[in-house]
Amino acid sequence: MKIPQKLQGVQRSFEYLQDPGHGWIKVPNTLLVRLGISQAISPYSYIRQFHSYLEEDCDAALFVEAMRYYGVIIKLRHRTARIRESRIRNYDRYPSPPNYELVRQSLLREYRQQEINIGA
């Protein structure tokens, strides 16, 4: 996998949005494409205009792994809706391809293999 040159060693901030039941990281759609993970996002995430809202249990972890793989330092800015459900739940579901889980597993194997190689 070719590393996007402009991402290496960069620090990026993202919003981590929560309601009483769940949380999402807000990520520009173009970054998902650039990282090569846009086809590995599940239908449990949401999309609205130019951003995707990656659900915290699976897709957010994949995003964080991809950013680590490319050497990007992530900072999360927390925003919590303590009383009501987030409006994110009303956005469109992410348009996942049928094989998104296979793509995800392949990417995660590659990321973990790099960690093994670095640690050896």
PDB file of N, CA and C in Angstrom:
ATOM      1  N   MET A   1       0.838  -1.176   0.000  1.00  0.00           N
ATOM      2  CA  MET A   1       0.000   0.000   0.000  1.00  0.00           C
ATOM      3  C   MET A   1       0.885   1.243   0.000  1.00  0.00           C
ATOM      4  N   LYS A   2       0.637   2.165  -0.864  1.00  0.00           N
ATOM      5  CA  LYS A   2       1.433   3.381  -0.957  1.00  0.00           C
ATOM      6  C   LYS A   2       0.995   4.371   0.115  1.00  0.00           C
ATOM      7  N   ILE A   3       1.971   4.887   0.853  1.00  0.00           N
ATOM      8  CA  ILE A   3       1.682   5.829   1.923  1.00  0.00           C
ATOM      9  C   ILE A   3       1.483   7.223   1.332  1.00  0.00           C
ATOM     10  N   PRO A   4       0.340   7.867   1.635  1.00  0.00           N
ATOM     11  CA  PRO A   4       0.150   9.245   1.172  1.00  0.00           C
ATOM     12  C   PRO A   4       1.211  10.144   1.803  1.00  0.00           C
ATOM     13  N   GLN A   5       2.076  10.710   1.003  1.00  0.00           N
ATOM     14  CA  GLN A   5       3.215  11.495   1.467  1.00  0.00           C
ATOM     15  C   GLN A   5       2.825  12.610   2.442  1.00  0.00           C
ATOM     16  N   LYS A   6       1.774  13.338   2.139  1.00  0.00           N
ATOM     17  CA  LYS A   6       1.437  14.500   2.951  1.00  0.00           C
ATOM     18  C   LYS A   6       0.883  14.141   4.326  1.00  0.00           C
ATOM     19  N   LEU A   7       0.624  12.886   4.583  1.00  0.00           N
ATOM     20  CA  LEU A   7       0.086  12.494   5.881  1.00  0.00           C
ATOM     21  C   LEU A   7       1.163  12.101   6.876  1.00  0.00           C
ATOM     22  N   GLN A   8       2.331  11.706   6.428  1.00  0.00           N
ATOM     23  CA  GLN A   8       3.365  11.192   7.313  1.00  0.00           C
ATOM     24  C   GLN A   8       3.808  12.243   8.331  1.00  0.00           C
ATOM     25  N   GLY A   9       3.719  11.878   9.626  1.00  0.00           N
ATOM     26  CA  GLY A   9       4.179  12.755  10.698  1.00  0.00           C
ATOM     27  C   GLY A   9       3.270  13.928  11.014  1.00  0.00           C
ATOM     28  N   VAL A  10       2.112  13.985  10.418  1.00  0.00           N
ATOM     29  CA  VAL A  10       1.183  15.089  10.611  1.00  0.00           C
ATOM     30  C   VAL A  10       0.307  14.813  11.830  1.00  0.00           C
ATOM     31  N   GLN A  11      -0.072  15.868  12.533  1.00  0.00           N
ATOM     32  CA  GLN A  11      -1.038  15.744  13.621  1.00  0.00           C
ATOM     33  C   GLN A  11      -2.368  16.289  13.129  1.00  0.00           C
ATOM     34  N   ARG A  12      -3.451  15.518  13.326  1.00  0.00           N
ATOM     35  CA  ARG A  12      -4.783  15.928  12.878  1.00  0.00           C
ATOM     36  C   ARG A  12      -5.766  15.831  14.028  1.00  0.00           C
ATOM     37  N   SER A  13      -6.698  16.768  14.071  1.00  0.00           N
ATOM     38  CA  SER A  13      -7.760  16.769  15.072  1.00  0.00           C
ATOM     39  C   SER A  13      -9.087  16.418  14.423  1.00  0.00           C
ATOM     40  N   PHE A  14      -9.893  15.653  15.155  1.00  0.00           N
ATOM     41  CA  PHE A  14     -11.209  15.249  14.677  1.00  0.00           C
ATOM     42  C   PHE A  14     -12.197  15.370  15.828  1.00  0.00           C
ATOM     43  N   GLU A  15     -13.447  15.597  15.476  1.00  0.00           N
ATOM     44  CA  GLU A  15     -14.488  15.647  16.486  1.00  0.00           C
ATOM     45  C   GLU A  15     -14.949  14.233  16.826  1.00  0.00           C
ATOM     46  N   TYR A  16     -15.063  13.973  18.115  1.00  0.00           N
ATOM     47  CA  TYR A  16     -15.651  12.727  18.600  1.00  0.00           C
ATOM     48  C   TYR A  16     -16.981  13.127  19.230  1.00  0.00           C
ATOM     49  N   LEU A  17     -18.066  12.736  18.583  1.00  0.00           N
ATOM     50  CA  LEU A  17     -19.403  13.141  18.990  1.00  0.00           C
ATOM     51  C   LEU A  17     -20.100  11.986  19.688  1.00  0.00           C
ATOM     52  N   GLN A  18     -20.733  12.272  20.812  1.00  0.00           N
ATOM     53  CA  GLN A  18     -21.402  11.231  21.591  1.00  0.00           C
ATOM     54  C   GLN A  18     -22.804  11.663  21.973  1.00  0.00           C
ATOM     55  N   ASP A  19     -23.677  10.674  22.089  1.00  0.00           N
ATOM     56  CA  ASP A  19     -24.956  10.883  22.751  1.00  0.00           C
ATOM     57  C   ASP A  19     -25.012   9.848  23.869  1.00  0.00           C
ATOM     58  N   PRO A  20     -26.093   9.768  24.629  1.00  0.00           N
ATOM     59  CA  PRO A  20     -26.107   8.817  25.745  1.00  0.00           C
ATOM     60  C   PRO A  20     -25.896   7.350  25.354  1.00  0.00           C
ATOM     61  N   GLY A  21     -26.096   6.997  24.071  1.00  0.00           N
ATOM     62  CA  GLY A  21     -25.986   5.600  23.692  1.00  0.00           C
ATOM     63  C   GLY A  21     -24.840   5.224  22.773  1.00  0.00           C
ATOM     64  N   HIS A  22     -24.213   6.196  22.127  1.00  0.00           N
ATOM     65  CA  HIS A  22     -23.206   5.844  21.133  1.00  0.00           C
ATOM     66  C   HIS A  22     -22.286   7.021  20.836  1.00  0.00           C
ATOM     67  N   GLY A  23     -21.238   6.753  20.019  1.00  0.00           N
ATOM     68  CA  GLY A  23     -20.298   7.796  19.641  1.00  0.00           C
ATOM     69  C   GLY A  23     -19.784   7.598  18.229  1.00  0.00           C
ATOM     70  N   TRP A  24     -19.318   8.699  17.611  1.00  0.00           N
ATOM     71  CA  TRP A  24     -18.842   8.694  16.232  1.00  0.00           C
ATOM     72  C   TRP A  24     -17.677   9.664  16.088  1.00  0.00           C
ATOM     73  N   ILE A  25     -16.751   9.329  15.200  1.00  0.00           N
ATOM     74  CA  ILE A  25     -15.702  10.278  14.813  1.00  0.00           C
ATOM     75  C   ILE A  25     -16.105  10.868  13.467  1.00  0.00           C
ATOM     76  N   LYS A  26     -16.105  12.188  13.377  1.00  0.00           N
ATOM     77  CA  LYS A  26     -16.450  12.892  12.143  1.00  0.00           C
ATOM     78  C   LYS A  26     -15.198  13.017  11.283  1.00  0.00           C
ATOM     79  N   VAL A  27     -15.268  12.452  10.062  1.00  0.00           N
ATOM     80  CA  VAL A  27     -14.104  12.377   9.180  1.00  0.00           C
ATOM     81  C   VAL A  27     -14.492  12.837   7.770  1.00  0.00           C
ATOM     82  N   PRO A  28     -13.672  13.666   7.133  1.00  0.00           N
ATOM     83  CA  PRO A  28     -13.970  14.032   5.740  1.00  0.00           C
ATOM     84  C   PRO A  28     -13.974  12.789   4.843  1.00  0.00           C
ATOM     85  N   ASN A  29     -14.945  12.715   3.957  1.00  0.00           N
ATOM     86  CA  ASN A  29     -15.035  11.577   3.039  1.00  0.00           C
ATOM     87  C   ASN A  29     -13.781  11.434   2.190  1.00  0.00           C
ATOM     88  N   THR A  30     -13.190  12.553   1.804  1.00  0.00           N
ATOM     89  CA  THR A  30     -11.983  12.504   0.971  1.00  0.00           C
ATOM     90  C   THR A  30     -10.830  11.824   1.699  1.00  0.00           C
ATOM     91  N   LEU A  31     -10.781  11.969   3.025  1.00  0.00           N
ATOM     92  CA  LEU A  31      -9.708  11.324   3.788  1.00  0.00           C
ATOM     93  C   LEU A  31      -9.903   9.809   3.823  1.00  0.00           C
ATOM     94  N   LEU A  32     -11.147   9.360   3.917  1.00  0.00           N
ATOM     95  CA  LEU A  32     -11.400   7.912   3.878  1.00  0.00           C
ATOM     96  C   LEU A  32     -10.913   7.319   2.562  1.00  0.00           C
ATOM     97  N   VAL A  33     -11.157   8.035   1.469  1.00  0.00           N
ATOM     98  CA  VAL A  33     -10.703   7.578   0.147  1.00  0.00           C
ATOM     99  C   VAL A  33      -9.184   7.591   0.095  1.00  0.00           C
ATOM    100  N   ARG A  34      -8.601   8.673   0.571  1.00  0.00           N
ATOM    101  CA  ARG A  34      -7.144   8.820   0.533  1.00  0.00           C
ATOM    102  C   ARG A  34      -6.433   7.738   1.346  1.00  0.00           C
ATOM    103  N   LEU A  35      -7.048   7.346   2.464  1.00  0.00           N
ATOM    104  CA  LEU A  35      -6.479   6.293   3.301  1.00  0.00           C
ATOM    105  C   LEU A  35      -6.715   4.901   2.734  1.00  0.00           C
ATOM    106  N   GLY A  36      -7.629   4.801   1.777  1.00  0.00           N
ATOM    107  CA  GLY A  36      -7.939   3.502   1.188  1.00  0.00           C
ATOM    108  C   GLY A  36      -8.904   2.669   2.014  1.00  0.00           C
ATOM    109  N   ILE A  37      -9.673   3.313   2.897  1.00  0.00           N
ATOM    110  CA  ILE A  37     -10.591   2.557   3.754  1.00  0.00           C
ATOM    111  C   ILE A  37     -12.064   2.830   3.444  1.00  0.00           C
ATOM    112  N   SER A  38     -12.357   3.605   2.447  1.00  0.00           N
ATOM    113  CA  SER A  38     -13.751   3.961   2.162  1.00  0.00           C
ATOM    114  C   SER A  38     -14.615   2.748   1.832  1.00  0.00           C
ATOM    115  N   GLN A  39     -14.024   1.695   1.294  1.00  0.00           N
ATOM    116  CA  GLN A  39     -14.777   0.487   0.956  1.00  0.00           C
ATOM    117  C   GLN A  39     -14.839  -0.512   2.107  1.00  0.00           C
ATOM    118  N   ALA A  40     -14.278  -0.122   3.269  1.00  0.00           N
ATOM    119  CA  ALA A  40     -14.257  -1.012   4.436  1.00  0.00           C
ATOM    120  C   ALA A  40     -15.133  -0.496   5.576  1.00  0.00           C
ATOM    121  N   ILE A  41     -15.856   0.577   5.337  1.00  0.00           N
ATOM    122  CA  ILE A  41     -16.709   1.170   6.370  1.00  0.00           C
ATOM    123  C   ILE A  41     -18.065   0.451   6.381  1.00  0.00           C
ATOM    124  N   SER A  42     -18.566   0.180   7.564  1.00  0.00           N
ATOM    125  CA  SER A  42     -19.809  -0.584   7.720  1.00  0.00           C
ATOM    126  C   SER A  42     -21.051   0.304   7.556  1.00  0.00           C
ATOM    127  N   PRO A  43     -22.199  -0.329   7.372  1.00  0.00           N
ATOM    128  CA  PRO A  43     -23.448   0.435   7.298  1.00  0.00           C
ATOM    129  C   PRO A  43     -23.914   0.941   8.668  1.00  0.00           C
ATOM    130  N   TYR A  44     -23.123   0.715   9.718  1.00  0.00           N
ATOM    131  CA  TYR A  44     -23.457   1.225  11.047  1.00  0.00           C
ATOM    132  C   TYR A  44     -22.945   2.647  11.244  1.00  0.00           C
ATOM    133  N   SER A  45     -22.170   3.139  10.284  1.00  0.00           N
ATOM    134  CA  SER A  45     -21.731   4.531  10.288  1.00  0.00           C
ATOM    135  C   SER A  45     -22.704   5.346   9.450  1.00  0.00           C
ATOM    136  N   TYR A  46     -22.541   6.640   9.516  1.00  0.00           N
ATOM    137  CA  TYR A  46     -23.446   7.549   8.816  1.00  0.00           C
ATOM    138  C   TYR A  46     -22.670   8.482   7.898  1.00  0.00           C
ATOM    139  N   ILE A  47     -23.386   9.102   6.967  1.00  0.00           N
ATOM    140  CA  ILE A  47     -22.767  10.026   6.025  1.00  0.00           C
ATOM    141  C   ILE A  47     -23.698  11.215   5.818  1.00  0.00           C
ATOM    142  N   ARG A  48     -23.106  12.389   5.725  1.00  0.00           N
ATOM    143  CA  ARG A  48     -23.874  13.602   5.440  1.00  0.00           C
ATOM    144  C   ARG A  48     -22.961  14.559   4.696  1.00  0.00           C
ATOM    145  N   GLN A  49     -23.332  14.852   3.473  1.00  0.00           N
ATOM    146  CA  GLN A  49     -22.583  15.751   2.604  1.00  0.00           C
ATOM    147  C   GLN A  49     -21.125  15.312   2.491  1.00  0.00           C
ATOM    148  N   PHE A  50     -20.211  16.069   3.043  1.00  0.00           N
ATOM    149  CA  PHE A  50     -18.784  15.830   2.836  1.00  0.00           C
ATOM    150  C   PHE A  50     -18.102  15.080   3.976  1.00  0.00           C
ATOM    151  N   HIS A  51     -18.898  14.621   4.950  1.00  0.00           N
ATOM    152  CA  HIS A  51     -18.316  13.947   6.110  1.00  0.00           C
ATOM    153  C   HIS A  51     -19.007  12.615   6.391  1.00  0.00           C
ATOM    154  N   SER A  52     -18.220  11.707   6.940  1.00  0.00           N
ATOM    155  CA  SER A  52     -18.758  10.456   7.452  1.00  0.00           C
ATOM    156  C   SER A  52     -18.608  10.479   8.963  1.00  0.00           C
ATOM    157  N   TYR A  53     -19.516   9.784   9.620  1.00  0.00           N
ATOM    158  CA  TYR A  53     -19.537   9.709  11.071  1.00  0.00           C
ATOM    159  C   TYR A  53     -19.316   8.237  11.421  1.00  0.00           C
ATOM    160  N   LEU A  54     -18.075   7.923  11.758  1.00  0.00           N
ATOM    161  CA  LEU A  54     -17.662   6.538  11.942  1.00  0.00           C
ATOM    162  C   LEU A  54     -18.029   6.045  13.329  1.00  0.00           C
ATOM    163  N   GLU A  55     -18.853   4.983  13.371  1.00  0.00           N
ATOM    164  CA  GLU A  55     -19.313   4.476  14.657  1.00  0.00           C
ATOM    165  C   GLU A  55     -18.132   3.967  15.476  1.00  0.00           C
ATOM    166  N   GLU A  56     -18.257   4.169  16.780  1.00  0.00           N
ATOM    167  CA  GLU A  56     -17.123   3.965  17.677  1.00  0.00           C
ATOM    168  C   GLU A  56     -16.676   2.522  17.850  1.00  0.00           C
ATOM    169  N   ASP A  57     -17.557   1.558  17.661  1.00  0.00           N
ATOM    170  CA  ASP A  57     -17.209   0.174  17.970  1.00  0.00           C
ATOM    171  C   ASP A  57     -16.316  -0.492  16.931  1.00  0.00           C
ATOM    172  N   CYS A  58     -16.429  -0.110  15.685  1.00  0.00           N
ATOM    173  CA  CYS A  58     -15.697  -0.829  14.649  1.00  0.00           C
ATOM    174  C   CYS A  58     -15.023   0.125  13.653  1.00  0.00           C
ATOM    175  N   ASP A  59     -15.807   0.975  13.026  1.00  0.00           N
ATOM    176  CA  ASP A  59     -15.268   1.832  11.967  1.00  0.00           C
ATOM    177  C   ASP A  59     -14.291   2.881  12.481  1.00  0.00           C
ATOM    178  N   ALA A  60     -14.571   3.437  13.651  1.00  0.00           N
ATOM    179  CA  ALA A  60     -13.645   4.413  14.225  1.00  0.00           C
ATOM    180  C   ALA A  60     -12.298   3.759  14.522  1.00  0.00           C
ATOM    181  N   ALA A  61     -12.335   2.520  15.015  1.00  0.00           N
ATOM    182  CA  ALA A  61     -11.088   1.795  15.301  1.00  0.00           C
ATOM    183  C   ALA A  61     -10.295   1.543  14.021  1.00  0.00           C
ATOM    184  N   LEU A  62     -10.987   1.204  12.940  1.00  0.00           N
ATOM    185  CA  LEU A  62     -10.311   1.010  11.654  1.00  0.00           C
ATOM    186  C   LEU A  62      -9.652   2.305  11.203  1.00  0.00           C
ATOM    187  N   PHE A  63     -10.366   3.411  11.343  1.00  0.00           N
ATOM    188  CA  PHE A  63      -9.831   4.721  10.974  1.00  0.00           C
ATOM    189  C   PHE A  63      -8.569   5.048  11.782  1.00  0.00           C
ATOM    190  N   VAL A  64      -8.632   4.827  13.086  1.00  0.00           N
ATOM    191  CA  VAL A  64      -7.475   5.098  13.941  1.00  0.00           C
ATOM    192  C   VAL A  64      -6.298   4.215  13.545  1.00  0.00           C
ATOM    193  N   GLU A  65      -6.552   2.934  13.263  1.00  0.00           N
ATOM    194  CA  GLU A  65      -5.487   2.023  12.809  1.00  0.00           C
ATOM    195  C   GLU A  65      -4.864   2.504  11.503  1.00  0.00           C
ATOM    196  N   ALA A  66      -5.702   2.949  10.579  1.00  0.00           N
ATOM    197  CA  ALA A  66      -5.192   3.440   9.288  1.00  0.00           C
ATOM    198  C   ALA A  66      -4.326   4.678   9.491  1.00  0.00           C
ATOM    199  N   MET A  67      -4.773   5.575  10.344  1.00  0.00           N
ATOM    200  CA  MET A  67      -3.989   6.793  10.594  1.00  0.00           C
ATOM    201  C   MET A  67      -2.650   6.444  11.261  1.00  0.00           C
ATOM    202  N   ARG A  68      -2.667   5.519  12.195  1.00  0.00           N
ATOM    203  CA  ARG A  68      -1.415   5.067  12.825  1.00  0.00           C
ATOM    204  C   ARG A  68      -0.491   4.436  11.789  1.00  0.00           C
ATOM    205  N   TYR A  69      -1.069   3.642  10.894  1.00  0.00           N
ATOM    206  CA  TYR A  69      -0.303   2.981   9.842  1.00  0.00           C
ATOM    207  C   TYR A  69       0.466   4.006   9.013  1.00  0.00           C
ATOM    208  N   TYR A  70      -0.177   5.143   8.762  1.00  0.00           N
ATOM    209  CA  TYR A  70       0.450   6.199   7.966  1.00  0.00           C
ATOM    210  C   TYR A  70       1.223   7.201   8.808  1.00  0.00           C
ATOM    211  N   GLY A  71       1.355   6.956  10.094  1.00  0.00           N
ATOM    212  CA  GLY A  71       2.164   7.817  10.955  1.00  0.00           C
ATOM    213  C   GLY A  71       1.495   9.113  11.369  1.00  0.00           C
ATOM    214  N   VAL A  72       0.190   9.172  11.328  1.00  0.00           N
ATOM    215  CA  VAL A  72      -0.533  10.383  11.695  1.00  0.00           C
ATOM    216  C   VAL A  72      -0.929  10.314  13.165  1.00  0.00           C
ATOM    217  N   ILE A  73      -0.711  11.396  13.867  1.00  0.00           N
ATOM    218  CA  ILE A  73      -1.091  11.507  15.268  1.00  0.00           C
ATOM    219  C   ILE A  73      -2.503  12.099  15.321  1.00  0.00           C
ATOM    220  N   ILE A  74      -3.404  11.429  16.022  1.00  0.00           N
ATOM    221  CA  ILE A  74      -4.799  11.869  16.093  1.00  0.00           C
ATOM    222  C   ILE A  74      -5.097  12.484  17.453  1.00  0.00           C
ATOM    223  N   LYS A  75      -5.781  13.599  17.416  1.00  0.00           N
ATOM    224  CA  LYS A  75      -6.336  14.202  18.636  1.00  0.00           C
ATOM    225  C   LYS A  75      -7.835  14.279  18.445  1.00  0.00           C
ATOM    226  N   LEU A  76      -8.588  13.899  19.465  1.00  0.00           N
ATOM    227  CA  LEU A  76     -10.043  13.939  19.395  1.00  0.00           C
ATOM    228  C   LEU A  76     -10.574  15.067  20.272  1.00  0.00           C
ATOM    229  N   ARG A  77     -11.483  15.850  19.684  1.00  0.00           N
ATOM    230  CA  ARG A  77     -12.192  16.889  20.424  1.00  0.00           C
ATOM    231  C   ARG A  77     -13.562  16.318  20.784  1.00  0.00           C
ATOM    232  N   HIS A  78     -13.823  16.127  22.047  1.00  0.00           N
ATOM    233  CA  HIS A  78     -15.058  15.482  22.508  1.00  0.00           C
ATOM    234  C   HIS A  78     -16.215  16.477  22.580  1.00  0.00           C
ATOM    235  N   ARG A  79     -17.352  16.039  22.036  1.00  0.00           N
ATOM    236  CA  ARG A  79     -18.617  16.776  22.146  1.00  0.00           C
ATOM    237  C   ARG A  79     -19.687  15.773  22.530  1.00  0.00           C
ATOM    238  N   THR A  80     -20.400  16.065  23.618  1.00  0.00           N
ATOM    239  CA  THR A  80     -21.385  15.118  24.128  1.00  0.00           C
ATOM    240  C   THR A  80     -22.760  15.765  24.224  1.00  0.00           C
ATOM    241  N   ALA A  81     -23.753  15.056  23.697  1.00  0.00           N
ATOM    242  CA  ALA A  81     -25.154  15.423  23.891  1.00  0.00           C
ATOM    243  C   ALA A  81     -25.640  14.542  25.035  1.00  0.00           C
ATOM    244  N   ARG A  82     -25.721  15.083  26.229  1.00  0.00           N
ATOM    245  CA  ARG A  82     -25.985  14.270  27.422  1.00  0.00           C
ATOM    246  C   ARG A  82     -27.451  13.894  27.602  1.00  0.00           C
ATOM    247  N   ILE A  83     -28.355  14.684  27.081  1.00  0.00           N
ATOM    248  CA  ILE A  83     -29.768  14.475  27.373  1.00  0.00           C
ATOM    249  C   ILE A  83     -30.511  13.754  26.259  1.00  0.00           C
ATOM    250  N   ARG A  84     -30.180  14.033  25.026  1.00  0.00           N
ATOM    251  CA  ARG A  84     -30.972  13.508  23.905  1.00  0.00           C
ATOM    252  C   ARG A  84     -30.092  12.744  22.928  1.00  0.00           C
ATOM    253  N   GLU A  85     -30.738  12.048  22.006  1.00  0.00           N
ATOM    254  CA  GLU A  85     -30.000  11.361  20.952  1.00  0.00           C
ATOM    255  C   GLU A  85     -29.423  12.375  19.976  1.00  0.00           C
ATOM    256  N   SER A  86     -28.282  12.039  19.435  1.00  0.00           N
ATOM    257  CA  SER A  86     -27.636  12.903  18.458  1.00  0.00           C
ATOM    258  C   SER A  86     -28.407  12.911  17.140  1.00  0.00           C
ATOM    259  N   ARG A  87     -28.367  14.029  16.453  1.00  0.00           N
ATOM    260  CA  ARG A  87     -29.011  14.119  15.132  1.00  0.00           C
ATOM    261  C   ARG A  87     -28.289  13.258  14.100  1.00  0.00           C
ATOM    262  N   ILE A  88     -27.084  12.827  14.424  1.00  0.00           N
ATOM    263  CA  ILE A  88     -26.337  11.939  13.521  1.00  0.00           C
ATOM    264  C   ILE A  88     -27.170  10.702  13.195  1.00  0.00           C
ATOM    265  N   ARG A  89     -27.944  10.229  14.142  1.00  0.00           N
ATOM    266  CA  ARG A  89     -28.766   9.041  13.936  1.00  0.00           C
ATOM    267  C   ARG A  89     -29.813   9.224  12.830  1.00  0.00           C
ATOM    268  N   ASN A  90     -30.054  10.467  12.443  1.00  0.00           N
ATOM    269  CA  ASN A  90     -31.008  10.760  11.363  1.00  0.00           C
ATOM    270  C   ASN A  90     -30.334  10.934  10.004  1.00  0.00           C
ATOM    271  N   TYR A  91     -29.005  10.890   9.967  1.00  0.00           N
ATOM    272  CA  TYR A  91     -28.281  11.011   8.703  1.00  0.00           C
ATOM    273  C   TYR A  91     -28.415   9.712   7.912  1.00  0.00           C
ATOM    274  N   ASP A  92     -28.003   9.753   6.659  1.00  0.00           N
ATOM    275  CA  ASP A  92     -28.020   8.547   5.825  1.00  0.00           C
ATOM    276  C   ASP A  92     -26.981   7.553   6.321  1.00  0.00           C
ATOM    277  N   ARG A  93     -27.316   6.276   6.207  1.00  0.00           N
ATOM    278  CA  ARG A  93     -26.339   5.228   6.522  1.00  0.00           C
ATOM    279  C   ARG A  93     -25.209   5.269   5.502  1.00  0.00           C
ATOM    280  N   TYR A  94     -24.024   4.902   5.939  1.00  0.00           N
ATOM    281  CA  TYR A  94     -22.881   4.855   5.027  1.00  0.00           C
ATOM    282  C   TYR A  94     -23.153   3.815   3.934  1.00  0.00           C
ATOM    283  N   PRO A  95     -22.888   4.165   2.671  1.00  0.00           N
ATOM    284  CA  PRO A  95     -23.167   3.230   1.554  1.00  0.00           C
ATOM    285  C   PRO A  95     -22.086   2.152   1.428  1.00  0.00           C
ATOM    286  N   SER A  96     -22.110   1.200   2.303  1.00  0.00           N
ATOM    287  CA  SER A  96     -21.095   0.142   2.342  1.00  0.00           C
ATOM    288  C   SER A  96     -21.291  -0.851   1.212  1.00  0.00           C
ATOM    289  N   PRO A  97     -20.182  -1.293   0.613  1.00  0.00           N
ATOM    290  CA  PRO A  97     -20.303  -2.364  -0.386  1.00  0.00           C
ATOM    291  C   PRO A  97     -20.594  -3.686   0.324  1.00  0.00           C
ATOM    292  N   PRO A  98     -21.133  -4.658  -0.378  1.00  0.00           N
ATOM    293  CA  PRO A  98     -21.456  -5.950   0.246  1.00  0.00           C
ATOM    294  C   PRO A  98     -20.257  -6.649   0.897  1.00  0.00           C
ATOM    295  N   ASN A  99     -19.065  -6.421   0.374  1.00  0.00           N
ATOM    296  CA  ASN A  99     -17.873  -7.108   0.888  1.00  0.00           C
ATOM    297  C   ASN A  99     -17.054  -6.251   1.856  1.00  0.00           C
ATOM    298  N   TYR A 100     -17.676  -5.246   2.474  1.00  0.00           N
ATOM    299  CA  TYR A 100     -16.916  -4.326   3.324  1.00  0.00           C
ATOM    300  C   TYR A 100     -16.158  -5.058   4.434  1.00  0.00           C
ATOM    301  N   GLU A 101     -16.725  -6.122   4.977  1.00  0.00           N
ATOM    302  CA  GLU A 101     -16.072  -6.836   6.073  1.00  0.00           C
ATOM    303  C   GLU A 101     -14.792  -7.532   5.595  1.00  0.00           C
ATOM    304  N   LEU A 102     -14.797  -8.087   4.405  1.00  0.00           N
ATOM    305  CA  LEU A 102     -13.584  -8.712   3.842  1.00  0.00           C
ATOM    306  C   LEU A 102     -12.492  -7.676   3.609  1.00  0.00           C
ATOM    307  N   VAL A 103     -12.893  -6.521   3.093  1.00  0.00           N
ATOM    308  CA  VAL A 103     -11.930  -5.433   2.857  1.00  0.00           C
ATOM    309  C   VAL A 103     -11.344  -4.984   4.183  1.00  0.00           C
ATOM    310  N   ARG A 104     -12.195  -4.826   5.198  1.00  0.00           N
ATOM    311  CA  ARG A 104     -11.744  -4.401   6.525  1.00  0.00           C
ATOM    312  C   ARG A 104     -10.724  -5.386   7.093  1.00  0.00           C
ATOM    313  N   GLN A 105     -11.027  -6.680   7.023  1.00  0.00           N
ATOM    314  CA  GLN A 105     -10.130  -7.691   7.571  1.00  0.00           C
ATOM    315  C   GLN A 105      -8.781  -7.692   6.860  1.00  0.00           C
ATOM    316  N   SER A 106      -8.808  -7.507   5.561  1.00  0.00           N
ATOM    317  CA  SER A 106      -7.563  -7.447   4.787  1.00  0.00           C
ATOM    318  C   SER A 106      -6.713  -6.248   5.212  1.00  0.00           C
ATOM    319  N   LEU A 107      -7.344  -5.100   5.359  1.00  0.00           N
ATOM    320  CA  LEU A 107      -6.614  -3.901   5.787  1.00  0.00           C
ATOM    321  C   LEU A 107      -6.036  -4.070   7.185  1.00  0.00           C
ATOM    322  N   LEU A 108      -6.822  -4.591   8.098  1.00  0.00           N
ATOM    323  CA  LEU A 108      -6.343  -4.772   9.467  1.00  0.00           C
ATOM    324  C   LEU A 108      -5.167  -5.741   9.530  1.00  0.00           C
ATOM    325  N   ARG A 109      -5.209  -6.802   8.712  1.00  0.00           N
ATOM    326  CA  ARG A 109      -4.062  -7.729   8.649  1.00  0.00           C
ATOM    327  C   ARG A 109      -2.810  -6.987   8.181  1.00  0.00           C
ATOM    328  N   GLU A 110      -2.971  -6.149   7.178  1.00  0.00           N
ATOM    329  CA  GLU A 110      -1.820  -5.394   6.666  1.00  0.00           C
ATOM    330  C   GLU A 110      -1.271  -4.444   7.723  1.00  0.00           C
ATOM    331  N   TYR A 111      -2.152  -3.737   8.427  1.00  0.00           N
ATOM    332  CA  TYR A 111      -1.704  -2.810   9.467  1.00  0.00           C
ATOM    333  C   TYR A 111      -0.970  -3.560  10.577  1.00  0.00           C
ATOM    334  N   ARG A 112      -1.518  -4.688  10.979  1.00  0.00           N
ATOM    335  CA  ARG A 112      -0.896  -5.462  12.062  1.00  0.00           C
ATOM    336  C   ARG A 112       0.423  -6.081  11.633  1.00  0.00           C
ATOM    337  N   GLN A 113       0.519  -6.481  10.377  1.00  0.00           N
ATOM    338  CA  GLN A 113       1.772  -7.035   9.864  1.00  0.00           C
ATOM    339  C   GLN A 113       2.877  -5.989   9.915  1.00  0.00           C
ATOM    340  N   GLN A 114       2.551  -4.754   9.607  1.00  0.00           N
ATOM    341  CA  GLN A 114       3.543  -3.689   9.677  1.00  0.00           C
ATOM    342  C   GLN A 114       4.027  -3.526  11.118  1.00  0.00           C
ATOM    343  N   GLU A 115       3.117  -3.590  12.102  1.00  0.00           N
ATOM    344  CA  GLU A 115       3.514  -3.469  13.497  1.00  0.00           C
ATOM    345  C   GLU A 115       4.448  -4.602  13.886  1.00  0.00           C
ATOM    346  N   ILE A 116       4.183  -5.812  13.420  1.00  0.00           N
ATOM    347  CA  ILE A 116       5.035  -6.961  13.702  1.00  0.00           C
ATOM    348  C   ILE A 116       6.419  -6.746  13.100  1.00  0.00           C
ATOM    349  N   ASN A 117       6.456  -6.276  11.855  1.00  0.00           N
ATOM    350  CA  ASN A 117       7.725  -6.047  11.167  1.00  0.00           C
ATOM    351  C   ASN A 117       8.554  -4.961  11.852  1.00  0.00           C
ATOM    352  N   ILE A 118       7.885  -3.922  12.327  1.00  0.00           N
ATOM    353  CA  ILE A 118       8.589  -2.837  13.005  1.00  0.00           C
ATOM    354  C   ILE A 118       9.137  -3.322  14.345  1.00  0.00           C
ATOM    355  N   GLY A 119       8.357  -4.143  15.047  1.00  0.00           N
ATOM    356  CA  GLY A 119       8.754  -4.629  16.361  1.00  0.00           C
ATOM    357  C   GLY A 119       9.834  -5.700  16.320  1.00  0.00           C
ATOM    358  N   ALA A 120      10.023  -6.311  15.168  1.00  0.00           N
ATOM    359  CA  ALA A 120      10.979  -7.428  15.070  1.00  0.00           C
ATOM    360  C   ALA A 120      12.412  -6.958  15.045  1.00  0.00           C
TER     361      ALA A 120
END
